[in-house]
């Protein structure tokens, strides 16, 4: 069955970097769109970014709040998607989730709509503080 497992969260100082991993099983990450969201207590999920399958256009989209600082990439050999986060700010503190919706979503159109995704990981906590 489809499973997503995030890892790599932790405590980092402002300006620091972290790389989150999203290990997938039950489907091939190269074939479907993978998105990242984050959530702070008491607030809605916020879209971070989406990477479409290269079988579509391979495009990557980012929320304005992280553009230029965060990068999504894929390692097909490990069936894992990464979220590299640089220049972290206190407002980036949140639980980060990866999500996908095989076999339906292969591209990132409407990627910020959470109801479109069937499968979610358990989340990994990121805390940015001095």
Foldseek 3Di string as FASTA:
>chain_A
DWAWAKDWADEAAAQAKTKIKIQIPPDFPLQFKKWKWWDDPPDDIFTAKIFAHVVPPRDIDGDPVQPPFWDWDADRVRSMIMIIGGRDDQVVWTWMKMFTAPPPGRDCVVVGPVVVTDYMHPTDTHGYHD
